Amino acid sequence: MDDSWKKGDISKLYASSWAAIYFLMDTQAGRSLLKNIMLAEQEFLCNKLSEKQLKTMIYKQFPNLNREYSKRLKKPLKAHIF
């Protein structure tokens, strides 16, 4: 969210963003979600997705997001090859 960047530790926010993208790129379901987010953003170029829209998309694809994300963070990193 916009306010988080103004108040937070930017290096931690970038690290968190990197980890989220790594998680999404690690599975077909994650890549599909990322694609759907980008397509939704392209529908109305001057408007960003609302928090509610984004959460709906995420939890539809990953109903157990917190558990899956925590589980993935405990595994060793590997290079993504596409």
PDB file of N, CA and C in Angstrom:
ATOM      1  N   MET A   1       0.841  -1.168   0.000  1.00  0.00           N
ATOM      2  CA  MET A   1       0.000   0.000   0.000  1.00  0.00           C
ATOM      3  C   MET A   1       0.898   1.247   0.000  1.00  0.00           C
ATOM      4  N   ASP A   2       0.401   2.291  -0.555  1.00  0.00           N
ATOM      5  CA  ASP A   2       1.189   3.516  -0.705  1.00  0.00           C
ATOM      6  C   ASP A   2       1.773   4.019   0.612  1.00  0.00           C
ATOM      7  N   ASP A   3       0.984   4.031   1.674  1.00  0.00           N
ATOM      8  CA  ASP A   3       1.453   4.557   2.955  1.00  0.00           C
ATOM      9  C   ASP A   3       2.577   3.722   3.555  1.00  0.00           C
ATOM     10  N   SER A   4       2.595   2.420   3.277  1.00  0.00           N
ATOM     11  CA  SER A   4       3.638   1.552   3.813  1.00  0.00           C
ATOM     12  C   SER A   4       5.016   1.976   3.330  1.00  0.00           C
ATOM     13  N   TRP A   5       5.106   2.378   2.076  1.00  0.00           N
ATOM     14  CA  TRP A   5       6.395   2.768   1.514  1.00  0.00           C
ATOM     15  C   TRP A   5       6.906   4.055   2.139  1.00  0.00           C
ATOM     16  N   LYS A   6       6.016   4.914   2.563  1.00  0.00           N
ATOM     17  CA  LYS A   6       6.437   6.185   3.153  1.00  0.00           C
ATOM     18  C   LYS A   6       6.988   5.992   4.556  1.00  0.00           C
ATOM     19  N   LYS A   7       6.470   5.015   5.292  1.00  0.00           N
ATOM     20  CA  LYS A   7       6.829   4.851   6.702  1.00  0.00           C
ATOM     21  C   LYS A   7       7.818   3.721   6.965  1.00  0.00           C
ATOM     22  N   GLY A   8       7.862   2.738   6.097  1.00  0.00           N
ATOM     23  CA  GLY A   8       8.596   1.516   6.394  1.00  0.00           C
ATOM     24  C   GLY A   8      10.060   1.539   6.030  1.00  0.00           C
ATOM     25  N   ASP A   9      10.710   0.447   6.396  1.00  0.00           N
ATOM     26  CA  ASP A   9      12.098   0.208   6.023  1.00  0.00           C
ATOM     27  C   ASP A   9      12.070  -0.275   4.577  1.00  0.00           C
ATOM     28  N   ILE A  10      12.478   0.587   3.661  1.00  0.00           N
ATOM     29  CA  ILE A  10      12.343   0.300   2.233  1.00  0.00           C
ATOM     30  C   ILE A  10      13.079  -0.980   1.847  1.00  0.00           C
ATOM     31  N   SER A  11      14.237  -1.244   2.421  1.00  0.00           N
ATOM     32  CA  SER A  11      14.972  -2.454   2.046  1.00  0.00           C
ATOM     33  C   SER A  11      14.183  -3.707   2.438  1.00  0.00           C
ATOM     34  N   LYS A  12      13.491  -3.669   3.568  1.00  0.00           N
ATOM     35  CA  LYS A  12      12.662  -4.815   3.970  1.00  0.00           C
ATOM     36  C   LYS A  12      11.439  -4.945   3.059  1.00  0.00           C
ATOM     37  N   LEU A  13      10.884  -3.820   2.641  1.00  0.00           N
ATOM     38  CA  LEU A  13       9.731  -3.869   1.747  1.00  0.00           C
ATOM     39  C   LEU A  13      10.129  -4.450   0.388  1.00  0.00           C
ATOM     40  N   TYR A  14      11.302  -4.073  -0.135  1.00  0.00           N
ATOM     41  CA  TYR A  14      11.775  -4.641  -1.392  1.00  0.00           C
ATOM     42  C   TYR A  14      12.058  -6.131  -1.239  1.00  0.00           C
ATOM     43  N   ALA A  15      12.652  -6.521  -0.123  1.00  0.00           N
ATOM     44  CA  ALA A  15      12.926  -7.941   0.122  1.00  0.00           C
ATOM     45  C   ALA A  15      11.625  -8.738   0.193  1.00  0.00           C
ATOM     46  N   SER A  16      10.633  -8.175   0.846  1.00  0.00           N
ATOM     47  CA  SER A  16       9.332  -8.832   0.947  1.00  0.00           C
ATOM     48  C   SER A  16       8.681  -8.962  -0.427  1.00  0.00           C
ATOM     49  N   SER A  17       8.789  -7.918  -1.242  1.00  0.00           N
ATOM     50  CA  SER A  17       8.247  -7.957  -2.600  1.00  0.00           C
ATOM     51  C   SER A  17       8.955  -9.012  -3.433  1.00  0.00           C
ATOM     52  N   TRP A  18      10.277  -9.085  -3.297  1.00  0.00           N
ATOM     53  CA  TRP A  18      11.044 -10.087  -4.029  1.00  0.00           C
ATOM     54  C   TRP A  18      10.585 -11.482  -3.637  1.00  0.00           C
ATOM     55  N   ALA A  19      10.413 -11.718  -2.333  1.00  0.00           N
ATOM     56  CA  ALA A  19       9.989 -13.041  -1.856  1.00  0.00           C
ATOM     57  C   ALA A  19       8.599 -13.399  -2.382  1.00  0.00           C
ATOM     58  N   ALA A  20       7.706 -12.422  -2.437  1.00  0.00           N
ATOM     59  CA  ALA A  20       6.354 -12.677  -2.943  1.00  0.00           C
ATOM     60  C   ALA A  20       6.391 -13.049  -4.424  1.00  0.00           C
ATOM     61  N   ILE A  21       7.174 -12.324  -5.217  1.00  0.00           N
ATOM     62  CA  ILE A  21       7.275 -12.633  -6.645  1.00  0.00           C
ATOM     63  C   ILE A  21       7.957 -13.987  -6.843  1.00  0.00           C
ATOM     64  N   TYR A  22       8.976 -14.280  -6.062  1.00  0.00           N
ATOM     65  CA  TYR A  22       9.635 -15.585  -6.137  1.00  0.00           C
ATOM     66  C   TYR A  22       8.610 -16.690  -5.865  1.00  0.00           C
ATOM     67  N   PHE A  23       7.810 -16.514  -4.833  1.00  0.00           N
ATOM     68  CA  PHE A  23       6.768 -17.493  -4.486  1.00  0.00           C
ATOM     69  C   PHE A  23       5.803 -17.676  -5.658  1.00  0.00           C
ATOM     70  N   LEU A  24       5.353 -16.589  -6.255  1.00  0.00           N
ATOM     71  CA  LEU A  24       4.404 -16.688  -7.363  1.00  0.00           C
ATOM     72  C   LEU A  24       5.036 -17.348  -8.592  1.00  0.00           C
ATOM     73  N   MET A  25       6.271 -17.058  -8.866  1.00  0.00           N
ATOM     74  CA  MET A  25       6.927 -17.613 -10.046  1.00  0.00           C
ATOM     75  C   MET A  25       7.344 -19.066  -9.858  1.00  0.00           C
ATOM     76  N   ASP A  26       7.229 -19.580  -8.648  1.00  0.00           N
ATOM     77  CA  ASP A  26       7.691 -20.930  -8.326  1.00  0.00           C
ATOM     78  C   ASP A  26       6.703 -22.020  -8.745  1.00  0.00           C
ATOM     79  N   THR A  27       5.448 -21.654  -9.009  1.00  0.00           N
ATOM     80  CA  THR A  27       4.444 -22.656  -9.365  1.00  0.00           C
ATOM     81  C   THR A  27       3.598 -22.169 -10.542  1.00  0.00           C
ATOM     82  N   GLN A  28       2.976 -23.112 -11.215  1.00  0.00           N
ATOM     83  CA  GLN A  28       2.079 -22.756 -12.305  1.00  0.00           C
ATOM     84  C   GLN A  28       0.916 -21.912 -11.779  1.00  0.00           C
ATOM     85  N   ALA A  29       0.383 -22.266 -10.620  1.00  0.00           N
ATOM     86  CA  ALA A  29      -0.724 -21.499 -10.028  1.00  0.00           C
ATOM     87  C   ALA A  29      -0.298 -20.063  -9.744  1.00  0.00           C
ATOM     88  N   GLY A  30       0.909 -19.896  -9.245  1.00  0.00           N
ATOM     89  CA  GLY A  30       1.418 -18.552  -8.958  1.00  0.00           C
ATOM     90  C   GLY A  30       1.640 -17.742 -10.219  1.00  0.00           C
ATOM     91  N   ARG A  31       2.208 -18.380 -11.237  1.00  0.00           N
ATOM     92  CA  ARG A  31       2.426 -17.673 -12.502  1.00  0.00           C
ATOM     93  C   ARG A  31       1.088 -17.278 -13.120  1.00  0.00           C
ATOM     94  N   SER A  32       0.102 -18.147 -13.003  1.00  0.00           N
ATOM     95  CA  SER A  32      -1.231 -17.844 -13.519  1.00  0.00           C
ATOM     96  C   SER A  32      -1.840 -16.655 -12.777  1.00  0.00           C
ATOM     97  N   LEU A  33      -1.687 -16.622 -11.470  1.00  0.00           N
ATOM     98  CA  LEU A  33      -2.203 -15.505 -10.676  1.00  0.00           C
ATOM     99  C   LEU A  33      -1.518 -14.201 -11.077  1.00  0.00           C
ATOM    100  N   LEU A  34      -0.213 -14.224 -11.204  1.00  0.00           N
ATOM    101  CA  LEU A  34       0.524 -13.022 -11.594  1.00  0.00           C
ATOM    102  C   LEU A  34       0.063 -12.526 -12.968  1.00  0.00           C
ATOM    103  N   LYS A  35      -0.140 -13.447 -13.886  1.00  0.00           N
ATOM    104  CA  LYS A  35      -0.650 -13.092 -15.216  1.00  0.00           C
ATOM    105  C   LYS A  35      -2.036 -12.454 -15.114  1.00  0.00           C
ATOM    106  N   ASN A  36      -2.906 -13.052 -14.301  1.00  0.00           N
ATOM    107  CA  ASN A  36      -4.260 -12.519 -14.144  1.00  0.00           C
ATOM    108  C   ASN A  36      -4.260 -11.132 -13.498  1.00  0.00           C
ATOM    109  N   ILE A  37      -3.361 -10.904 -12.567  1.00  0.00           N
ATOM    110  CA  ILE A  37      -3.246  -9.579 -11.947  1.00  0.00           C
ATOM    111  C   ILE A  37      -2.829  -8.551 -12.999  1.00  0.00           C
ATOM    112  N   MET A  38      -1.833  -8.906 -13.800  1.00  0.00           N
ATOM    113  CA  MET A  38      -1.367  -7.973 -14.838  1.00  0.00           C
ATOM    114  C   MET A  38      -2.453  -7.700 -15.872  1.00  0.00           C
ATOM    115  N   LEU A  39      -3.199  -8.727 -16.257  1.00  0.00           N
ATOM    116  CA  LEU A  39      -4.291  -8.528 -17.207  1.00  0.00           C
ATOM    117  C   LEU A  39      -5.383  -7.638 -16.620  1.00  0.00           C
ATOM    118  N   ALA A  40      -5.707  -7.842 -15.345  1.00  0.00           N
ATOM    119  CA  ALA A  40      -6.722  -7.014 -14.689  1.00  0.00           C
ATOM    120  C   ALA A  40      -6.275  -5.565 -14.603  1.00  0.00           C
ATOM    121  N   GLU A  41      -4.992  -5.348 -14.331  1.00  0.00           N
ATOM    122  CA  GLU A  41      -4.474  -3.978 -14.267  1.00  0.00           C
ATOM    123  C   GLU A  41      -4.520  -3.292 -15.625  1.00  0.00           C
ATOM    124  N   GLN A  42      -4.400  -4.057 -16.698  1.00  0.00           N
ATOM    125  CA  GLN A  42      -4.417  -3.477 -18.041  1.00  0.00           C
ATOM    126  C   GLN A  42      -5.817  -3.042 -18.474  1.00  0.00           C
ATOM    127  N   GLU A  43      -6.844  -3.569 -17.826  1.00  0.00           N
ATOM    128  CA  GLU A  43      -8.209  -3.198 -18.201  1.00  0.00           C
ATOM    129  C   GLU A  43      -8.483  -1.718 -17.964  1.00  0.00           C
ATOM    130  N   PHE A  44      -7.959  -1.191 -16.864  1.00  0.00           N
ATOM    131  CA  PHE A  44      -8.147   0.220 -16.523  1.00  0.00           C
ATOM    132  C   PHE A  44      -6.779   0.789 -16.159  1.00  0.00           C
ATOM    133  N   LEU A  45      -6.058   1.227 -17.173  1.00  0.00           N
ATOM    134  CA  LEU A  45      -4.654   1.593 -17.001  1.00  0.00           C
ATOM    135  C   LEU A  45      -4.409   2.699 -15.981  1.00  0.00           C
ATOM    136  N   CYS A  46      -5.334   3.596 -15.797  1.00  0.00           N
ATOM    137  CA  CYS A  46      -5.112   4.716 -14.878  1.00  0.00           C
ATOM    138  C   CYS A  46      -5.552   4.405 -13.453  1.00  0.00           C
ATOM    139  N   ASN A  47      -6.109   3.237 -13.217  1.00  0.00           N
ATOM    140  CA  ASN A  47      -6.582   2.858 -11.879  1.00  0.00           C
ATOM    141  C   ASN A  47      -5.853   1.600 -11.411  1.00  0.00           C
ATOM    142  N   LYS A  48      -5.367   1.636 -10.181  1.00  0.00           N
ATOM    143  CA  LYS A  48      -4.755   0.428  -9.648  1.00  0.00           C
ATOM    144  C   LYS A  48      -5.840  -0.453  -9.040  1.00  0.00           C
ATOM    145  N   LEU A  49      -5.556  -1.740  -8.914  1.00  0.00           N
ATOM    146  CA  LEU A  49      -6.510  -2.656  -8.305  1.00  0.00           C
ATOM    147  C   LEU A  49      -6.699  -2.291  -6.836  1.00  0.00           C
ATOM    148  N   SER A  50      -7.909  -2.451  -6.366  1.00  0.00           N
ATOM    149  CA  SER A  50      -8.160  -2.177  -4.947  1.00  0.00           C
ATOM    150  C   SER A  50      -7.631  -3.341  -4.113  1.00  0.00           C
ATOM    151  N   GLU A  51      -7.452  -3.086  -2.843  1.00  0.00           N
ATOM    152  CA  GLU A  51      -6.996  -4.139  -1.934  1.00  0.00           C
ATOM    153  C   GLU A  51      -7.973  -5.314  -1.967  1.00  0.00           C
ATOM    154  N   LYS A  52      -9.263  -5.011  -1.995  1.00  0.00           N
ATOM    155  CA  LYS A  52     -10.292  -6.070  -2.024  1.00  0.00           C
ATOM    156  C   LYS A  52     -10.193  -6.900  -3.301  1.00  0.00           C
ATOM    157  N   GLN A  53     -10.016  -6.237  -4.455  1.00  0.00           N
ATOM    158  CA  GLN A  53      -9.881  -6.960  -5.717  1.00  0.00           C
ATOM    159  C   GLN A  53      -8.667  -7.889  -5.689  1.00  0.00           C
ATOM    160  N   LEU A  54      -7.559  -7.359  -5.218  1.00  0.00           N
ATOM    161  CA  LEU A  54      -6.329  -8.137  -5.179  1.00  0.00           C
ATOM    162  C   LEU A  54      -6.454  -9.331  -4.228  1.00  0.00           C
ATOM    163  N   LYS A  55      -7.003  -9.092  -3.044  1.00  0.00           N
ATOM    164  CA  LYS A  55      -7.182 -10.192  -2.093  1.00  0.00           C
ATOM    165  C   LYS A  55      -8.106 -11.270  -2.647  1.00  0.00           C
ATOM    166  N   THR A  56      -9.165 -10.861  -3.335  1.00  0.00           N
ATOM    167  CA  THR A  56     -10.088 -11.830  -3.928  1.00  0.00           C
ATOM    168  C   THR A  56      -9.356 -12.701  -4.939  1.00  0.00           C
ATOM    169  N   MET A  57      -8.558 -12.091  -5.778  1.00  0.00           N
ATOM    170  CA  MET A  57      -7.797 -12.840  -6.778  1.00  0.00           C
ATOM    171  C   MET A  57      -6.794 -13.785  -6.127  1.00  0.00           C
ATOM    172  N   ILE A  58      -6.097 -13.302  -5.122  1.00  0.00           N
ATOM    173  CA  ILE A  58      -5.060 -14.102  -4.459  1.00  0.00           C
ATOM    174  C   ILE A  58      -5.679 -15.300  -3.754  1.00  0.00           C
ATOM    175  N   TYR A  59      -6.710 -15.062  -2.934  1.00  0.00           N
ATOM    176  CA  TYR A  59      -7.271 -16.150  -2.138  1.00  0.00           C
ATOM    177  C   TYR A  59      -8.101 -17.123  -2.963  1.00  0.00           C
ATOM    178  N   LYS A  60      -8.531 -16.706  -4.155  1.00  0.00           N
ATOM    179  CA  LYS A  60      -9.195 -17.641  -5.065  1.00  0.00           C
ATOM    180  C   LYS A  60      -8.164 -18.660  -5.559  1.00  0.00           C
ATOM    181  N   GLN A  61      -6.975 -18.181  -5.899  1.00  0.00           N
ATOM    182  CA  GLN A  61      -5.906 -19.048  -6.399  1.00  0.00           C
ATOM    183  C   GLN A  61      -5.190 -19.784  -5.266  1.00  0.00           C
ATOM    184  N   PHE A  62      -5.050 -19.129  -4.118  1.00  0.00           N
ATOM    185  CA  PHE A  62      -4.328 -19.700  -2.978  1.00  0.00           C
ATOM    186  C   PHE A  62      -5.178 -19.574  -1.711  1.00  0.00           C
ATOM    187  N   PRO A  63      -6.175 -20.457  -1.527  1.00  0.00           N
ATOM    188  CA  PRO A  63      -7.039 -20.354  -0.344  1.00  0.00           C
ATOM    189  C   PRO A  63      -6.283 -20.490   0.977  1.00  0.00           C
ATOM    190  N   ASN A  64      -5.157 -21.200   0.950  1.00  0.00           N
ATOM    191  CA  ASN A  64      -4.331 -21.386   2.151  1.00  0.00           C
ATOM    192  C   ASN A  64      -3.008 -20.640   2.001  1.00  0.00           C
ATOM    193  N   LEU A  65      -3.096 -19.396   1.540  1.00  0.00           N
ATOM    194  CA  LEU A  65      -1.904 -18.619   1.203  1.00  0.00           C
ATOM    195  C   LEU A  65      -0.893 -18.557   2.337  1.00  0.00           C
ATOM    196  N   ASN A  66      -1.310 -18.212   3.536  1.00  0.00           N
ATOM    197  CA  ASN A  66      -0.352 -18.045   4.639  1.00  0.00           C
ATOM    198  C   ASN A  66       0.425 -19.329   4.894  1.00  0.00           C
ATOM    199  N   ARG A  67      -0.266 -20.449   4.909  1.00  0.00           N
ATOM    200  CA  ARG A  67       0.393 -21.731   5.158  1.00  0.00           C
ATOM    201  C   ARG A  67       1.345 -22.076   4.011  1.00  0.00           C
ATOM    202  N   GLU A  68       0.883 -21.925   2.769  1.00  0.00           N
ATOM    203  CA  GLU A  68       1.713 -22.251   1.603  1.00  0.00           C
ATOM    204  C   GLU A  68       2.932 -21.346   1.499  1.00  0.00           C
ATOM    205  N   TYR A  69       2.733 -20.051   1.766  1.00  0.00           N
ATOM    206  CA  TYR A  69       3.837 -19.088   1.680  1.00  0.00           C
ATOM    207  C   TYR A  69       4.884 -19.377   2.760  1.00  0.00           C
ATOM    208  N   SER A  70       4.438 -19.612   3.981  1.00  0.00           N
ATOM    209  CA  SER A  70       5.370 -19.920   5.074  1.00  0.00           C
ATOM    210  C   SER A  70       6.135 -21.202   4.791  1.00  0.00           C
ATOM    211  N   LYS A  71       5.441 -22.193   4.274  1.00  0.00           N
ATOM    212  CA  LYS A  71       6.069 -23.473   3.935  1.00  0.00           C
ATOM    213  C   LYS A  71       7.140 -23.277   2.866  1.00  0.00           C
ATOM    214  N   ARG A  72       6.851 -22.474   1.839  1.00  0.00           N
ATOM    215  CA  ARG A  72       7.797 -22.250   0.750  1.00  0.00           C
ATOM    216  C   ARG A  72       9.026 -21.482   1.223  1.00  0.00           C
ATOM    217  N   LEU A  73       8.835 -20.533   2.135  1.00  0.00           N
ATOM    218  CA  LEU A  73       9.968 -19.746   2.629  1.00  0.00           C
ATOM    219  C   LEU A  73      10.966 -20.587   3.415  1.00  0.00           C
ATOM    220  N   LYS A  74      10.540 -21.740   3.906  1.00  0.00           N
ATOM    221  CA  LYS A  74      11.429 -22.612   4.681  1.00  0.00           C
ATOM    222  C   LYS A  74      12.265 -23.526   3.788  1.00  0.00           C
ATOM    223  N   LYS A  75      11.914 -23.605   2.502  1.00  0.00           N
ATOM    224  CA  LYS A  75      12.649 -24.451   1.570  1.00  0.00           C
ATOM    225  C   LYS A  75      13.827 -23.667   0.980  1.00  0.00           C
ATOM    226  N   PRO A  76      14.848 -24.378   0.532  1.00  0.00           N
ATOM    227  CA  PRO A  76      15.973 -23.684  -0.113  1.00  0.00           C
ATOM    228  C   PRO A  76      15.533 -23.019  -1.426  1.00  0.00           C
ATOM    229  N   LEU A  77      16.172 -21.923  -1.741  1.00  0.00           N
ATOM    230  CA  LEU A  77      15.893 -21.230  -3.004  1.00  0.00           C
ATOM    231  C   LEU A  77      16.531 -21.997  -4.146  1.00  0.00           C
ATOM    232  N   LYS A  78      15.877 -21.942  -5.293  1.00  0.00           N
ATOM    233  CA  LYS A  78      16.433 -22.540  -6.503  1.00  0.00           C
ATOM    234  C   LYS A  78      16.250 -21.548  -7.636  1.00  0.00           C
ATOM    235  N   ALA A  79      17.074 -21.664  -8.637  1.00  0.00           N
ATOM    236  CA  ALA A  79      16.947 -20.768  -9.784  1.00  0.00           C
ATOM    237  C   ALA A  79      15.693 -21.131 -10.567  1.00  0.00           C
ATOM    238  N   HIS A  80      14.973 -20.128 -10.971  1.00  0.00           N
ATOM    239  CA  HIS A  80      13.807 -20.347 -11.830  1.00  0.00           C
ATOM    240  C   HIS A  80      14.272 -20.355 -13.287  1.00  0.00           C
ATOM    241  N   ILE A  81      13.861 -21.368 -14.006  1.00  0.00           N
ATOM    242  CA  ILE A  81      14.213 -21.473 -15.406  1.00  0.00           C
ATOM    243  C   ILE A  81      12.915 -21.585 -16.202  1.00  0.00           C
ATOM    244  N   PHE A  82      12.730 -20.680 -17.163  1.00  0.00           N
ATOM    245  CA  PHE A  82      11.488 -20.656 -17.945  1.00  0.00           C
ATOM    246  C   PHE A  82      11.789 -20.845 -19.405  1.00  0.00           C
TER     247      PHE A  82
END
